[in-house]
């Protein structure tokens, strides 16, 4: 998997903040789309160094890639499709990404077009972040 490509995509979608902020759904977030958990100990109003932000981002990317490979472990699919699933895991988490059952059924058949349409048939695409979901679903549909 091209990790730098994934990181570039995520940076583009998520933006960057060296302080805790509320994301589009009202969740505390920092850095490059990192959902703040109580165990993180980030302090509201404090600025964090790029080194700290990049360390957290690298860890988050590692987790989303592991999650994507685990979700796709029984599928013989295009690496780009796994990259898209990793992107979904980064944004939605493994548990919510795993709920895209029909997308995974289509991926099992290497039917990337149907997989893309199944990505669109979700609250993620219809309500939460429709533009982002559509960009990823269109990427999925272009795979062969």
Protein backbone atom coordinates (compact mmCIF):
# COMPACT_ATOMS: atom_id res chain seq x y z
CA UNK A 1 0.00 0.00 0.00
CA UNK A 2 1.22 3.46 -0.82
CA UNK A 3 1.23 4.99 2.68
CA UNK A 4 2.39 8.40 1.49
CA UNK A 5 -0.54 8.57 -0.93
CA UNK A 6 -2.93 7.68 1.89
CA UNK A 7 -1.34 10.24 4.20
CA UNK A 8 -1.54 12.94 1.53
CA UNK A 9 -5.22 12.13 0.93
CA UNK A 10 -5.99 12.22 4.64
CA UNK A 11 -4.11 15.49 5.15
CA UNK A 12 -6.10 17.00 2.29
CA UNK A 13 -9.45 15.82 3.67
CA UNK A 14 -8.79 16.42 7.35
CA UNK A 15 -6.79 19.64 7.41
CA UNK A 16 -4.42 20.47 10.25
CA UNK A 17 -4.80 22.04 13.66
CA UNK A 18 -2.22 22.27 16.41
CA UNK A 19 -5.02 22.86 18.92
CA UNK A 20 -8.11 20.92 19.98
CA UNK A 21 -11.18 21.92 17.95
CA UNK A 22 -14.69 20.59 17.36
CA UNK A 23 -15.12 18.69 14.09
CA UNK A 24 -18.19 18.91 11.83
CA UNK A 25 -20.10 16.57 14.14
CA UNK A 26 -19.08 18.32 17.37
CA UNK A 27 -16.36 15.90 18.48
CA UNK A 28 -13.09 17.15 19.96
CA UNK A 29 -10.36 16.67 17.38
CA UNK A 30 -6.72 17.66 17.01
CA UNK A 31 -3.97 17.50 14.45
CA UNK A 32 -4.93 15.70 11.28
CA UNK A 33 -8.36 14.32 12.11
CA UNK A 34 -7.44 12.67 15.42
CA UNK A 35 -10.53 12.07 17.55
CA UNK A 36 -9.53 13.13 21.05
CA UNK A 37 -10.08 10.45 23.68
CA UNK A 38 -9.94 11.16 27.44
CA UNK A 39 -6.76 9.06 27.69
CA UNK A 40 -5.02 11.39 25.19
CA UNK A 41 -4.70 14.19 27.75
CA UNK A 42 -4.81 16.97 25.15
CA UNK A 43 -5.61 20.32 26.73
CA UNK A 44 -8.14 22.70 25.16
CA UNK A 45 -6.46 25.97 24.10
CA UNK A 46 -2.90 24.59 24.17
CA UNK A 47 -0.83 24.50 20.97
CA UNK A 48 1.05 21.28 20.20
CA UNK A 49 4.20 20.90 18.13
CA UNK A 50 4.16 19.48 14.62
CA UNK A 51 6.28 16.62 15.98
CA UNK A 52 3.53 15.66 18.45
CA UNK A 53 0.82 16.01 15.80
CA UNK A 54 2.75 13.90 13.25
CA UNK A 55 3.43 11.19 15.85
CA UNK A 56 -0.30 10.93 16.60
CA UNK A 57 -1.12 10.99 12.87
CA UNK A 58 1.41 8.24 12.09
CA UNK A 59 -0.11 6.08 14.83
CA UNK A 60 -3.66 6.73 13.56
CA UNK A 61 -2.62 5.84 10.00
CA UNK A 62 -0.97 2.64 11.22
CA UNK A 63 -4.20 1.64 12.98
CA UNK A 64 -6.46 2.44 10.01
CA UNK A 65 -4.19 0.47 7.64
CA UNK A 66 -4.20 -2.53 10.01
CA UNK A 67 -7.98 -2.26 10.27
CA UNK A 68 -8.38 -2.10 6.48
CA UNK A 69 -6.16 -5.14 5.93
CA UNK A 70 -8.09 -7.04 8.61
CA UNK A 71 -11.43 -6.13 7.05
CA UNK A 72 -10.16 -7.15 3.59
CA UNK A 73 -8.04 -10.14 4.63
CA UNK A 74 -10.19 -12.68 2.80
CA UNK A 75 -10.55 -10.54 -0.31
CA UNK A 76 -8.27 -10.69 -3.33
CA UNK A 77 -8.74 -7.08 -4.34
CA UNK A 78 -6.93 -4.12 -5.83
CA UNK A 79 -4.54 -2.37 -3.39
CA UNK A 80 -6.26 0.91 -4.24
CA UNK A 81 -9.52 -0.54 -2.89
CA UNK A 82 -7.77 -1.40 0.37
CA UNK A 83 -6.42 2.17 0.46
CA UNK A 84 -10.00 3.48 0.15
CA UNK A 85 -11.15 1.15 2.95
CA UNK A 86 -8.22 2.44 5.06
CA UNK A 87 -9.39 5.98 4.40
CA UNK A 88 -12.87 5.00 5.56
CA UNK A 89 -11.41 3.36 8.68
CA UNK A 90 -9.50 6.55 9.46
CA UNK A 91 -12.63 8.65 9.27
CA UNK A 92 -15.29 6.26 10.53
CA UNK A 93 -13.34 3.70 12.55
CA UNK A 94 -13.17 -0.03 11.92
CA UNK A 95 -16.53 -0.84 13.54
CA UNK A 96 -18.54 1.56 11.38
CA UNK A 97 -16.60 0.69 8.23
CA UNK A 98 -17.31 -3.00 8.86
CA UNK A 99 -21.04 -2.22 8.68
CA UNK A 100 -20.73 -1.61 4.92
CA UNK A 101 -21.67 -5.26 4.36
CA UNK A 102 -22.91 -4.85 0.79
CA UNK A 103 -19.76 -2.93 -0.15
CA UNK A 104 -17.64 -5.82 1.14
CA UNK A 105 -19.86 -8.33 -0.68
CA UNK A 106 -19.26 -6.41 -3.91
CA UNK A 107 -15.53 -6.23 -3.20
CA UNK A 108 -15.47 -10.01 -2.73
CA UNK A 109 -16.69 -10.24 -6.34
CA UNK A 110 -14.22 -7.52 -7.44
CA UNK A 111 -17.24 -5.47 -8.45
CA UNK A 112 -15.78 -2.05 -7.68
CA UNK A 113 -18.62 -0.17 -9.33
CA UNK A 114 -21.25 -1.76 -7.08
CA UNK A 115 -18.93 -1.32 -4.08
CA UNK A 116 -18.78 2.39 -4.86
CA UNK A 117 -22.56 2.63 -5.09
CA UNK A 118 -22.90 0.76 -1.78
CA UNK A 119 -20.61 3.33 -0.16
CA UNK A 120 -23.08 5.99 -1.25
CA UNK A 121 -26.01 4.15 0.33
CA UNK A 122 -25.20 5.31 3.86
CA UNK A 123 -25.70 8.12 6.36
CA UNK A 124 -22.00 8.82 5.88
CA UNK A 125 -22.65 9.72 2.24
CA UNK A 126 -26.12 11.18 2.60
CA UNK A 127 -25.70 13.24 5.75
CA UNK A 128 -22.36 13.27 7.57
CA UNK A 129 -19.68 14.02 4.97
CA UNK A 130 -21.35 13.59 1.58
CA UNK A 131 -18.69 15.30 -0.54
CA UNK A 132 -15.91 13.19 0.95
CA UNK A 133 -17.92 9.99 0.65
CA UNK A 134 -18.68 10.77 -2.99
CA UNK A 135 -15.00 11.41 -3.78
CA UNK A 136 -14.07 8.04 -2.29
CA UNK A 137 -16.96 6.19 -3.93
CA UNK A 138 -16.01 7.66 -7.32
CA UNK A 139 -12.42 6.50 -6.79
CA UNK A 140 -13.73 3.02 -5.98
CA UNK A 141 -15.90 2.92 -9.10
CA UNK A 142 -12.88 3.71 -11.32
CA UNK A 143 -10.91 0.65 -10.15
CA UNK A 144 -10.52 -2.45 -12.28
